[in-house]
Amino acid sequence: VLHTSTANAFGHDRRADRAAEMLLAFDTFGSIPAHVEVVD
């Protein structure tokens, strides 16, 4: 699954917010048992 992020009023209105969301997912998905894996 390719995930992208779009601008909205829930703290994702800035490009930096959306970049942070993706980087946080990359850093944390692997810490949760039975979670989907990050490929890139």
Full PDB file with SEQRES, HELIX, SHEET, SSBOND, CRYST1, ORIGX, SCALE, CONECT and MASTER records, all heavy atoms in Angstrom:
SEQRES   1 A   40  VAL LEU HIS THR SER THR ALA ASN ALA PHE GLY HIS ASP          
SEQRES   2 A   40  ARG ARG ALA ASP ARG ALA ALA GLU MET LEU LEU ALA PHE          
SEQRES   3 A   40  ASP THR PHE GLY SER ILE PRO ALA HIS VAL GLU VAL VAL          
SEQRES   4 A   40  ASP                                                          
HELIX    1 AA1 ARG A   15  THR A   28  1                                  14    
HELIX    2 AA2 PHE A   29  SER A   31  5                                   3    
CRYST1    1.000    1.000    1.000  90.00  90.00  90.00 P 1           1          
ORIGX1      1.000000  0.000000  0.000000        0.00000                         
ORIGX2      0.000000  1.000000  0.000000        0.00000                         
ORIGX3      0.000000  0.000000  1.000000        0.00000                         
SCALE1      1.000000  0.000000  0.000000        0.00000                         
SCALE2      0.000000  1.000000  0.000000        0.00000                         
SCALE3      0.000000  0.000000  1.000000        0.00000                         
ATOM      1  N   VAL A   1       0.858  -1.187   0.000  1.00  0.00           N  
ATOM      2  CA  VAL A   1       0.000   0.000   0.000  1.00  0.00           C  
ATOM      3  C   VAL A   1       0.893   1.235   0.000  1.00  0.00           C  
ATOM      4  O   VAL A   1       1.789   1.356   0.843  1.00  0.00           O  
ATOM      5  CB  VAL A   1      -0.949   0.037   1.222  1.00  0.00           C  
ATOM      6  CG1 VAL A   1      -1.751   1.342   1.228  1.00  0.00           C  
ATOM      7  CG2 VAL A   1      -1.892  -1.161   1.198  1.00  0.00           C  
ATOM      8  N   LEU A   2       0.641   2.141  -0.944  1.00  0.00           N  
ATOM      9  CA  LEU A   2       1.338   3.421  -0.960  1.00  0.00           C  
ATOM     10  C   LEU A   2       0.457   4.448  -0.253  1.00  0.00           C  
ATOM     11  O   LEU A   2      -0.682   4.691  -0.666  1.00  0.00           O  
ATOM     12  CB  LEU A   2       1.616   3.882  -2.385  1.00  0.00           C  
ATOM     13  CG  LEU A   2       2.331   5.230  -2.471  1.00  0.00           C  
ATOM     14  CD1 LEU A   2       3.801   5.070  -2.093  1.00  0.00           C  
ATOM     15  CD2 LEU A   2       2.204   5.850  -3.854  1.00  0.00           C  
ATOM     16  N   HIS A   3       0.976   5.026   0.801  1.00  0.00           N  
ATOM     17  CA  HIS A   3       0.242   6.032   1.580  1.00  0.00           C  
ATOM     18  C   HIS A   3       0.741   7.421   1.192  1.00  0.00           C  
ATOM     19  O   HIS A   3       1.945   7.665   1.161  1.00  0.00           O  
ATOM     20  CB  HIS A   3       0.461   5.816   3.078  1.00  0.00           C  
ATOM     21  CG  HIS A   3       0.042   4.486   3.575  1.00  0.00           C  
ATOM     22  ND1 HIS A   3      -1.191   4.244   4.137  1.00  0.00           N  
ATOM     23  CD2 HIS A   3       0.708   3.291   3.602  1.00  0.00           C  
ATOM     24  CE1 HIS A   3      -1.276   2.979   4.494  1.00  0.00           C  
ATOM     25  NE2 HIS A   3      -0.137   2.377   4.182  1.00  0.00           N  
ATOM     26  N   THR A   4      -0.169   8.323   0.922  1.00  0.00           N  
ATOM     27  CA  THR A   4       0.175   9.730   0.744  1.00  0.00           C  
ATOM     28  C   THR A   4      -0.638  10.532   1.743  1.00  0.00           C  
ATOM     29  O   THR A   4      -1.579  10.022   2.353  1.00  0.00           O  
ATOM     30  CB  THR A   4      -0.128  10.210  -0.687  1.00  0.00           C  
ATOM     31  OG1 THR A   4      -1.509   9.995  -0.965  1.00  0.00           O  
ATOM     32  CG2 THR A   4       0.729   9.468  -1.703  1.00  0.00           C  
ATOM     33  N   SER A   5      -0.265  11.784   1.927  1.00  0.00           N  
ATOM     34  CA  SER A   5      -0.966  12.627   2.888  1.00  0.00           C  
ATOM     35  C   SER A   5      -1.415  13.897   2.190  1.00  0.00           C  
ATOM     36  O   SER A   5      -0.656  14.484   1.410  1.00  0.00           O  
ATOM     37  CB  SER A   5      -0.054  12.966   4.065  1.00  0.00           C  
ATOM     38  OG  SER A   5      -0.754  13.684   5.062  1.00  0.00           O  
ATOM     39  N   THR A   6      -2.647  14.301   2.455  1.00  0.00           N  
ATOM     40  CA  THR A   6      -3.185  15.514   1.857  1.00  0.00           C  
ATOM     41  C   THR A   6      -3.396  16.579   2.932  1.00  0.00           C  
ATOM     42  O   THR A   6      -3.569  16.273   4.112  1.00  0.00           O  
ATOM     43  CB  THR A   6      -4.521  15.228   1.152  1.00  0.00           C  
ATOM     44  OG1 THR A   6      -5.407  14.564   2.067  1.00  0.00           O  
ATOM     45  CG2 THR A   6      -4.312  14.334  -0.055  1.00  0.00           C  
ATOM     46  N   ALA A   7      -3.401  17.834   2.507  1.00  0.00           N  
ATOM     47  CA  ALA A   7      -3.585  18.942   3.443  1.00  0.00           C  
ATOM     48  C   ALA A   7      -4.996  18.932   4.008  1.00  0.00           C  
ATOM     49  O   ALA A   7      -5.965  18.700   3.298  1.00  0.00           O  
ATOM     50  CB  ALA A   7      -3.326  20.272   2.734  1.00  0.00           C  
ATOM     51  N   ASN A   8      -5.092  19.159   5.307  1.00  0.00           N  
ATOM     52  CA  ASN A   8      -6.392  19.337   5.944  1.00  0.00           C  
ATOM     53  C   ASN A   8      -6.194  20.148   7.216  1.00  0.00           C  
ATOM     54  O   ASN A   8      -5.072  20.521   7.564  1.00  0.00           O  
ATOM     55  CB  ASN A   8      -7.067  17.982   6.233  1.00  0.00           C  
ATOM     56  CG  ASN A   8      -6.228  17.090   7.130  1.00  0.00           C  
ATOM     57  OD1 ASN A   8      -5.666  17.545   8.118  1.00  0.00           O  
ATOM     58  ND2 ASN A   8      -6.136  15.813   6.785  1.00  0.00           N  
ATOM     59  N   ALA A   9      -7.297  20.408   7.903  1.00  0.00           N  
ATOM     60  CA  ALA A   9      -7.259  21.290   9.074  1.00  0.00           C  
ATOM     61  C   ALA A   9      -6.874  20.572  10.358  1.00  0.00           C  
ATOM     62  O   ALA A   9      -6.869  21.184  11.422  1.00  0.00           O  
ATOM     63  CB  ALA A   9      -8.624  21.948   9.254  1.00  0.00           C  
ATOM     64  N   PHE A  10      -6.535  19.283  10.271  1.00  0.00           N  
ATOM     65  CA  PHE A  10      -6.251  18.508  11.486  1.00  0.00           C  
ATOM     66  C   PHE A  10      -4.746  18.381  11.727  1.00  0.00           C  
ATOM     67  O   PHE A  10      -4.227  17.309  12.009  1.00  0.00           O  
ATOM     68  CB  PHE A  10      -6.910  17.131  11.381  1.00  0.00           C  
ATOM     69  CG  PHE A  10      -8.393  17.193  11.188  1.00  0.00           C  
ATOM     70  CD1 PHE A  10      -8.957  16.976   9.942  1.00  0.00           C  
ATOM     71  CD2 PHE A  10      -9.226  17.514  12.250  1.00  0.00           C  
ATOM     72  CE1 PHE A  10     -10.323  17.059   9.765  1.00  0.00           C  
ATOM     73  CE2 PHE A  10     -10.588  17.595  12.080  1.00  0.00           C  
ATOM     74  CZ  PHE A  10     -11.150  17.376  10.829  1.00  0.00           C  
ATOM     75  N   GLY A  11      -4.058  19.520  11.611  1.00  0.00           N  
ATOM     76  CA  GLY A  11      -2.626  19.511  11.855  1.00  0.00           C  
ATOM     77  C   GLY A  11      -1.801  19.016  10.690  1.00  0.00           C  
ATOM     78  O   GLY A  11      -0.631  18.659  10.861  1.00  0.00           O  
ATOM     79  N   HIS A  12      -2.393  18.992   9.480  1.00  0.00           N  
ATOM     80  CA  HIS A  12      -1.661  18.565   8.292  1.00  0.00           C  
ATOM     81  C   HIS A  12      -1.678  19.642   7.207  1.00  0.00           C  
ATOM     82  O   HIS A  12      -1.491  19.356   6.031  1.00  0.00           O  
ATOM     83  CB  HIS A  12      -2.272  17.273   7.717  1.00  0.00           C  
ATOM     84  CG  HIS A  12      -2.245  16.119   8.663  1.00  0.00           C  
ATOM     85  ND1 HIS A  12      -3.304  15.803   9.479  1.00  0.00           N  
ATOM     86  CD2 HIS A  12      -1.272  15.217   8.946  1.00  0.00           C  
ATOM     87  CE1 HIS A  12      -3.001  14.744  10.216  1.00  0.00           C  
ATOM     88  NE2 HIS A  12      -1.775  14.384   9.923  1.00  0.00           N  
ATOM     89  N   ASP A  13      -1.897  20.893   7.598  1.00  0.00           N  
ATOM     90  CA  ASP A  13      -2.016  21.961   6.611  1.00  0.00           C  
ATOM     91  C   ASP A  13      -0.665  22.407   6.059  1.00  0.00           C  
ATOM     92  O   ASP A  13      -0.601  23.020   5.002  1.00  0.00           O  
ATOM     93  CB  ASP A  13      -2.766  23.166   7.210  1.00  0.00           C  
ATOM     94  CG  ASP A  13      -2.309  23.498   8.615  1.00  0.00           C  
ATOM     95  OD1 ASP A  13      -2.355  22.599   9.470  1.00  0.00           O  
ATOM     96  OD2 ASP A  13      -1.927  24.657   8.864  1.00  0.00           O  
ATOM     97  N   ARG A  14       0.415  22.097   6.733  1.00  0.00           N  
ATOM     98  CA  ARG A  14       1.745  22.465   6.262  1.00  0.00           C  
ATOM     99  C   ARG A  14       2.459  21.230   5.703  1.00  0.00           C  
ATOM    100  O   ARG A  14       2.286  20.122   6.205  1.00  0.00           O  
ATOM    101  CB  ARG A  14       2.581  23.052   7.399  1.00  0.00           C  
ATOM    102  CG  ARG A  14       1.956  24.271   8.042  1.00  0.00           C  
ATOM    103  CD  ARG A  14       2.693  24.649   9.317  1.00  0.00           C  
ATOM    104  NE  ARG A  14       1.979  25.689  10.037  1.00  0.00           N  
ATOM    105  CZ  ARG A  14       2.123  25.923  11.332  1.00  0.00           C  
ATOM    106  NH1 ARG A  14       2.964  25.192  12.047  1.00  0.00           N  
ATOM    107  NH2 ARG A  14       1.436  26.884  11.930  1.00  0.00           N  
ATOM    108  N   ARG A  15       3.257  21.437   4.669  1.00  0.00           N  
ATOM    109  CA  ARG A  15       4.011  20.318   4.096  1.00  0.00           C  
ATOM    110  C   ARG A  15       4.885  19.664   5.153  1.00  0.00           C  
ATOM    111  O   ARG A  15       5.055  18.429   5.177  1.00  0.00           O  
ATOM    112  CB  ARG A  15       4.869  20.825   2.929  1.00  0.00           C  
ATOM    113  CG  ARG A  15       5.603  19.716   2.194  1.00  0.00           C  
ATOM    114  CD  ARG A  15       6.239  20.218   0.923  1.00  0.00           C  
ATOM    115  NE  ARG A  15       7.320  21.142   1.188  1.00  0.00           N  
ATOM    116  CZ  ARG A  15       8.593  20.950   0.813  1.00  0.00           C  
ATOM    117  NH1 ARG A  15       8.927  19.853   0.160  1.00  0.00           N  
ATOM    118  NH2 ARG A  15       9.515  21.842   1.063  1.00  0.00           N  
ATOM    119  N   ALA A  16       5.434  20.465   6.067  1.00  0.00           N  
ATOM    120  CA  ALA A  16       6.271  19.906   7.128  1.00  0.00           C  
ATOM    121  C   ALA A  16       5.476  18.959   8.025  1.00  0.00           C  
ATOM    122  O   ALA A  16       6.008  17.956   8.506  1.00  0.00           O  
ATOM    123  CB  ALA A  16       6.876  21.030   7.968  1.00  0.00           C  
ATOM    124  N   ASP A  17       4.194  19.259   8.257  1.00  0.00           N  
ATOM    125  CA  ASP A  17       3.346  18.368   9.053  1.00  0.00           C  
ATOM    126  C   ASP A  17       3.217  17.012   8.369  1.00  0.00           C  
ATOM    127  O   ASP A  17       3.305  15.954   8.998  1.00  0.00           O  
ATOM    128  CB  ASP A  17       1.937  18.953   9.221  1.00  0.00           C  
ATOM    129  CG  ASP A  17       1.930  20.294   9.910  1.00  0.00           C  
ATOM    130  OD1 ASP A  17       2.732  20.504  10.823  1.00  0.00           O  
ATOM    131  OD2 ASP A  17       1.087  21.135   9.529  1.00  0.00           O  
ATOM    132  N   ARG A  18       2.985  17.069   7.060  1.00  0.00           N  
ATOM    133  CA  ARG A  18       2.756  15.828   6.329  1.00  0.00           C  
ATOM    134  C   ARG A  18       4.038  15.007   6.224  1.00  0.00           C  
ATOM    135  O   ARG A  18       4.011  13.784   6.299  1.00  0.00           O  
ATOM    136  CB  ARG A  18       2.172  16.163   4.952  1.00  0.00           C  
ATOM    137  CG  ARG A  18       0.858  16.935   5.066  1.00  0.00           C  
ATOM    138  CD  ARG A  18       0.158  17.121   3.742  1.00  0.00           C  
ATOM    139  NE  ARG A  18       0.813  18.045   2.830  1.00  0.00           N  
ATOM    140  CZ  ARG A  18       0.687  19.370   2.859  1.00  0.00           C  
ATOM    141  NH1 ARG A  18      -0.083  19.937   3.786  1.00  0.00           N  
ATOM    142  NH2 ARG A  18       1.292  20.135   1.965  1.00  0.00           N  
ATOM    143  N   ALA A  19       5.169  15.701   6.087  1.00  0.00           N  
ATOM    144  CA  ALA A  19       6.447  14.983   6.080  1.00  0.00           C  
ATOM    145  C   ALA A  19       6.695  14.319   7.429  1.00  0.00           C  
ATOM    146  O   ALA A  19       7.147  13.170   7.506  1.00  0.00           O  
ATOM    147  CB  ALA A  19       7.581  15.952   5.742  1.00  0.00           C  
ATOM    148  N   ALA A  20       6.390  15.048   8.509  1.00  0.00           N  
ATOM    149  CA  ALA A  20       6.580  14.498   9.857  1.00  0.00           C  
ATOM    150  C   ALA A  20       5.730  13.242  10.062  1.00  0.00           C  
ATOM    151  O   ALA A  20       6.176  12.271  10.697  1.00  0.00           O  
ATOM    152  CB  ALA A  20       6.232  15.550  10.903  1.00  0.00           C  
ATOM    153  N   GLU A  21       4.498  13.256   9.542  1.00  0.00           N  
ATOM    154  CA  GLU A  21       3.615  12.095   9.683  1.00  0.00           C  
ATOM    155  C   GLU A  21       4.245  10.862   9.042  1.00  0.00           C  
ATOM    156  O   GLU A  21       4.246   9.763   9.627  1.00  0.00           O  
ATOM    157  CB  GLU A  21       2.277  12.413   9.027  1.00  0.00           C  
ATOM    158  CG  GLU A  21       1.293  11.258   9.008  1.00  0.00           C  
ATOM    159  CD  GLU A  21       0.078  11.532   8.141  1.00  0.00           C  
ATOM    160  OE1 GLU A  21       0.031  12.581   7.477  1.00  0.00           O  
ATOM    161  OE2 GLU A  21      -0.810  10.668   8.113  1.00  0.00           O  
ATOM    162  N   MET A  22       4.798  11.011   7.846  1.00  0.00           N  
ATOM    163  CA  MET A  22       5.391   9.875   7.146  1.00  0.00           C  
ATOM    164  C   MET A  22       6.659   9.384   7.836  1.00  0.00           C  
ATOM    165  O   MET A  22       6.895   8.182   7.970  1.00  0.00           O  
ATOM    166  CB  MET A  22       5.707  10.270   5.696  1.00  0.00           C  
ATOM    167  CG  MET A  22       4.486  10.629   4.879  1.00  0.00           C  
ATOM    168  SD  MET A  22       3.292   9.257   4.812  1.00  0.00           S  
ATOM    169  CE  MET A  22       1.951  10.056   3.943  1.00  0.00           C  
ATOM    170  N   LEU A  23       7.492  10.325   8.291  1.00  0.00           N  
ATOM    171  CA  LEU A  23       8.730   9.925   8.953  1.00  0.00           C  
ATOM    172  C   LEU A  23       8.457   9.247  10.293  1.00  0.00           C  
ATOM    173  O   LEU A  23       9.146   8.301  10.679  1.00  0.00           O  
ATOM    174  CB  LEU A  23       9.634  11.146   9.141  1.00  0.00           C  
ATOM    175  CG  LEU A  23      10.203  11.727   7.840  1.00  0.00           C  
ATOM    176  CD1 LEU A  23      10.917  13.041   8.113  1.00  0.00           C  
ATOM    177  CD2 LEU A  23      11.152  10.738   7.178  1.00  0.00           C  
ATOM    178  N   LEU A  24       7.450   9.728  11.003  1.00  0.00           N  
ATOM    179  CA  LEU A  24       7.100   9.090  12.266  1.00  0.00           C  
ATOM    180  C   LEU A  24       6.600   7.666  12.027  1.00  0.00           C  
ATOM    181  O   LEU A  24       6.946   6.740  12.775  1.00  0.00           O  
ATOM    182  CB  LEU A  24       6.032   9.912  12.993  1.00  0.00           C  
ATOM    183  CG  LEU A  24       5.619   9.406  14.370  1.00  0.00           C  
ATOM    184  CD1 LEU A  24       6.806   9.399  15.328  1.00  0.00           C  
ATOM    185  CD2 LEU A  24       4.481  10.252  14.931  1.00  0.00           C  
ATOM    186  N   ALA A  25       5.809   7.469  10.980  1.00  0.00           N  
ATOM    187  CA  ALA A  25       5.342   6.124  10.647  1.00  0.00           C  
ATOM    188  C   ALA A  25       6.524   5.208  10.330  1.00  0.00           C  
ATOM    189  O   ALA A  25       6.589   4.059  10.796  1.00  0.00           O  
ATOM    190  CB  ALA A  25       4.380   6.190   9.465  1.00  0.00           C  
ATOM    191  N   PHE A  26       7.479   5.716   9.563  1.00  0.00           N  
ATOM    192  CA  PHE A  26       8.656   4.920   9.210  1.00  0.00           C  
ATOM    193  C   PHE A  26       9.432   4.516  10.458  1.00  0.00           C  
ATOM    194  O   PHE A  26       9.929   3.385  10.568  1.00  0.00           O  
ATOM    195  CB  PHE A  26       9.544   5.735   8.261  1.00  0.00           C  
ATOM    196  CG  PHE A  26      10.766   5.006   7.795  1.00  0.00           C  
ATOM    197  CD1 PHE A  26      10.694   4.076   6.766  1.00  0.00           C  
ATOM    198  CD2 PHE A  26      12.006   5.257   8.375  1.00  0.00           C  
ATOM    199  CE1 PHE A  26      11.827   3.395   6.331  1.00  0.00           C  
ATOM    200  CE2 PHE A  26      13.142   4.588   7.944  1.00  0.00           C  
ATOM    201  CZ  PHE A  26      13.053   3.654   6.921  1.00  0.00           C  
ATOM    202  N   ASP A  27       9.532   5.432  11.420  1.00  0.00           N  
ATOM    203  CA  ASP A  27      10.301   5.174  12.634  1.00  0.00           C  
ATOM    204  C   ASP A  27       9.593   4.264  13.629  1.00  0.00           C  
ATOM    205  O   ASP A  27      10.248   3.662  14.481  1.00  0.00           O  
ATOM    206  CB  ASP A  27      10.631   6.500  13.336  1.00  0.00           C  
ATOM    207  CG  ASP A  27      11.675   7.321  12.595  1.00  0.00           C  
ATOM    208  OD1 ASP A  27      12.345   6.769  11.694  1.00  0.00           O  
ATOM    209  OD2 ASP A  27      11.816   8.509  12.914  1.00  0.00           O  
ATOM    210  N   THR A  28       8.269   4.153  13.558  1.00  0.00           N  
ATOM    211  CA  THR A  28       7.528   3.488  14.641  1.00  0.00           C  
ATOM    212  C   THR A  28       6.742   2.249  14.242  1.00  0.00           C  
ATOM    213  O   THR A  28       6.411   1.440  15.108  1.00  0.00           O  
ATOM    214  CB  THR A  28       6.538   4.473  15.290  1.00  0.00           C  
ATOM    215  OG1 THR A  28       5.642   4.990  14.294  1.00  0.00           O  
ATOM    216  CG2 THR A  28       7.283   5.637  15.946  1.00  0.00           C  
ATOM    217  N   PHE A  29       6.410   2.064  12.978  1.00  0.00           N  
ATOM    218  CA  PHE A  29       5.594   0.907  12.598  1.00  0.00           C  
ATOM    219  C   PHE A  29       6.226  -0.404  13.064  1.00  0.00           C  
ATOM    220  O   PHE A  29       5.539  -1.325  13.497  1.00  0.00           O  
ATOM    221  CB  PHE A  29       5.388   0.866  11.081  1.00  0.00           C  
ATOM    222  CG  PHE A  29       4.232   1.703  10.585  1.00  0.00           C  
ATOM    223  CD1 PHE A  29       3.726   2.755  11.338  1.00  0.00           C  
ATOM    224  CD2 PHE A  29       3.653   1.448   9.349  1.00  0.00           C  
ATOM    225  CE1 PHE A  29       2.666   3.531  10.876  1.00  0.00           C  
ATOM    226  CE2 PHE A  29       2.597   2.209   8.884  1.00  0.00           C  
ATOM    227  CZ  PHE A  29       2.101   3.247   9.645  1.00  0.00           C  
ATOM    228  N   GLY A  30       7.551  -0.484  12.983  1.00  0.00           N  
ATOM    229  CA  GLY A  30       8.226  -1.727  13.349  1.00  0.00           C  
ATOM    230  C   GLY A  30       8.265  -2.014  14.833  1.00  0.00           C  
ATOM    231  O   GLY A  30       8.649  -3.113  15.249  1.00  0.00           O  
ATOM    232  N   SER A  31       7.852  -1.050  15.661  1.00  0.00           N  
ATOM    233  CA  SER A  31       7.895  -1.260  17.113  1.00  0.00           C  
ATOM    234  C   SER A  31       6.625  -1.917  17.651  1.00  0.00           C  
ATOM    235  O   SER A  31       6.568  -2.274  18.833  1.00  0.00           O  
ATOM    236  CB  SER A  31       8.108   0.080  17.828  1.00  0.00           C  
ATOM    237  OG  SER A  31       6.976   0.926  17.662  1.00  0.00           O  
ATOM    238  N   ILE A  32       5.619  -2.085  16.817  1.00  0.00           N  
ATOM    239  CA  ILE A  32       4.325  -2.618  17.254  1.00  0.00           C  
ATOM    240  C   ILE A  32       4.153  -4.038  16.745  1.00  0.00           C  
ATOM    241  O   ILE A  32       4.197  -4.274  15.526  1.00  0.00           O  
ATOM    242  CB  ILE A  32       3.170  -1.731  16.736  1.00  0.00           C  
ATOM    243  CG1 ILE A  32       3.359  -0.291  17.195  1.00  0.00           C  
ATOM    244  CG2 ILE A  32       1.816  -2.282  17.199  1.00  0.00           C  
ATOM    245  CD1 ILE A  32       3.415  -0.103  18.692  1.00  0.00           C  
ATOM    246  N   PRO A  33       3.950  -5.009  17.642  1.00  0.00           N  
ATOM    247  CA  PRO A  33       3.763  -6.392  17.200  1.00  0.00           C  
ATOM    248  C   PRO A  33       2.580  -6.528  16.247  1.00  0.00           C  
ATOM    249  O   PRO A  33       1.552  -5.864  16.405  1.00  0.00           O  
ATOM    250  CB  PRO A  33       3.500  -7.146  18.512  1.00  0.00           C  
ATOM    251  CG  PRO A  33       4.124  -6.293  19.571  1.00  0.00           C  
ATOM    252  CD  PRO A  33       3.940  -4.881  19.105  1.00  0.00           C  
ATOM    253  N   ALA A  34       2.740  -7.384  15.245  1.00  0.00           N  
ATOM    254  CA  ALA A  34       1.692  -7.721  14.274  1.00  0.00           C  
ATOM    255  C   ALA A  34       1.274  -6.530  13.408  1.00  0.00           C  
ATOM    256  O   ALA A  34       0.214  -6.541  12.801  1.00  0.00           O  
ATOM    257  CB  ALA A  34       0.468  -8.315  14.972  1.00  0.00           C  
ATOM    258  N   HIS A  35       2.117  -5.507  13.343  1.00  0.00           N  
ATOM    259  CA  HIS A  35       1.807  -4.325  12.529  1.00  0.00           C  
ATOM    260  C   HIS A  35       2.285  -4.557  11.092  1.00  0.00           C  
ATOM    261  O   HIS A  35       3.193  -5.347  10.850  1.00  0.00           O  
ATOM    262  CB  HIS A  35       2.527  -3.107  13.115  1.00  0.00           C  
ATOM    263  CG  HIS A  35       1.939  -1.786  12.730  1.00  0.00           C  
ATOM    264  ND1 HIS A  35       2.127  -1.223  11.484  1.00  0.00           N  
ATOM    265  CD2 HIS A  35       1.159  -0.929  13.420  1.00  0.00           C  
ATOM    266  CE1 HIS A  35       1.500  -0.060  11.436  1.00  0.00           C  
ATOM    267  NE2 HIS A  35       0.904   0.149  12.592  1.00  0.00           N  
ATOM    268  N   VAL A  36       1.672  -3.858  10.130  1.00  0.00           N  
ATOM    269  CA  VAL A  36       2.203  -3.903   8.774  1.00  0.00           C  
ATOM    270  C   VAL A  36       3.623  -3.362   8.789  1.00  0.00           C  
ATOM    271  O   VAL A  36       4.000  -2.553   9.638  1.00  0.00           O  
ATOM    272  CB  VAL A  36       1.325  -3.081   7.791  1.00  0.00           C  
ATOM    273  CG1 VAL A  36      -0.056  -3.697   7.664  1.00  0.00           C  
ATOM    274  CG2 VAL A  36       1.233  -1.622   8.209  1.00  0.00           C  
ATOM    275  N   GLU A  37       4.421  -3.845   7.842  1.00  0.00           N  
ATOM    276  CA  GLU A  37       5.825  -3.460   7.790  1.00  0.00           C  
ATOM    277  C   GLU A  37       6.025  -2.277   6.840  1.00  0.00           C  
ATOM    278  O   GLU A  37       5.288  -2.103   5.877  1.00  0.00           O  
ATOM    279  CB  GLU A  37       6.677  -4.636   7.311  1.00  0.00           C  
ATOM    280  CG  GLU A  37       6.584  -5.854   8.214  1.00  0.00           C  
ATOM    281  CD  GLU A  37       7.348  -7.039   7.640  1.00  0.00           C  
ATOM    282  OE1 GLU A  37       8.100  -6.837   6.663  1.00  0.00           O  
ATOM    283  OE2 GLU A  37       7.188  -8.151   8.160  1.00  0.00           O  
ATOM    284  N   VAL A  38       7.042  -1.489   7.123  1.00  0.00           N  
ATOM    285  CA  VAL A  38       7.417  -0.393   6.242  1.00  0.00           C  
ATOM    286  C   VAL A  38       8.441  -0.906   5.238  1.00  0.00           C  
ATOM    287  O   VAL A  38       9.439  -1.532   5.616  1.00  0.00           O  
ATOM    288  CB  VAL A  38       8.003   0.790   7.027  1.00  0.00           C  
ATOM    289  CG1 VAL A  38       8.566   1.837   6.070  1.00  0.00           C  
ATOM    290  CG2 VAL A  38       6.945   1.423   7.909  1.00  0.00           C  
ATOM    291  N   VAL A  39       8.204  -0.636   3.965  1.00  0.00           N  
ATOM    292  CA  VAL A  39       9.139  -1.004   2.913  1.00  0.00           C  
ATOM    293  C   VAL A  39      10.048   0.169   2.552  1.00  0.00           C  
ATOM    294  O   VAL A  39      11.250   0.008   2.337  1.00  0.00           O  
ATOM    295  CB  VAL A  39       8.375  -1.491   1.657  1.00  0.00           C  
ATOM    296  CG1 VAL A  39       9.345  -1.806   0.516  1.00  0.00           C  
ATOM    297  CG2 VAL A  39       7.533  -2.721   1.999  1.00  0.00           C  
ATOM    298  N   ASP A  40       9.493   1.372   2.520  1.00  0.00           N  
ATOM    299  CA  ASP A  40      10.257   2.543   2.124  1.00  0.00           C  
ATOM    300  C   ASP A  40       9.515   3.789   2.594  1.00  0.00           C  
ATOM    301  O   ASP A  40       8.322   3.744   2.920  1.00  0.00           O  
ATOM    302  CB  ASP A  40      10.416   2.573   0.596  1.00  0.00           C  
ATOM    303  CG  ASP A  40      11.501   3.540   0.122  1.00  0.00           C  
ATOM    304  OD1 ASP A  40      12.251   4.065   0.971  1.00  0.00           O  
ATOM    305  OD2 ASP A  40      11.607   3.745  -1.099  1.00  0.00           O  
TER     306      ASP A  40                                                      
MASTER        0    0    0    2    0    0    0    6  305    1    0    4          
END                                                                             
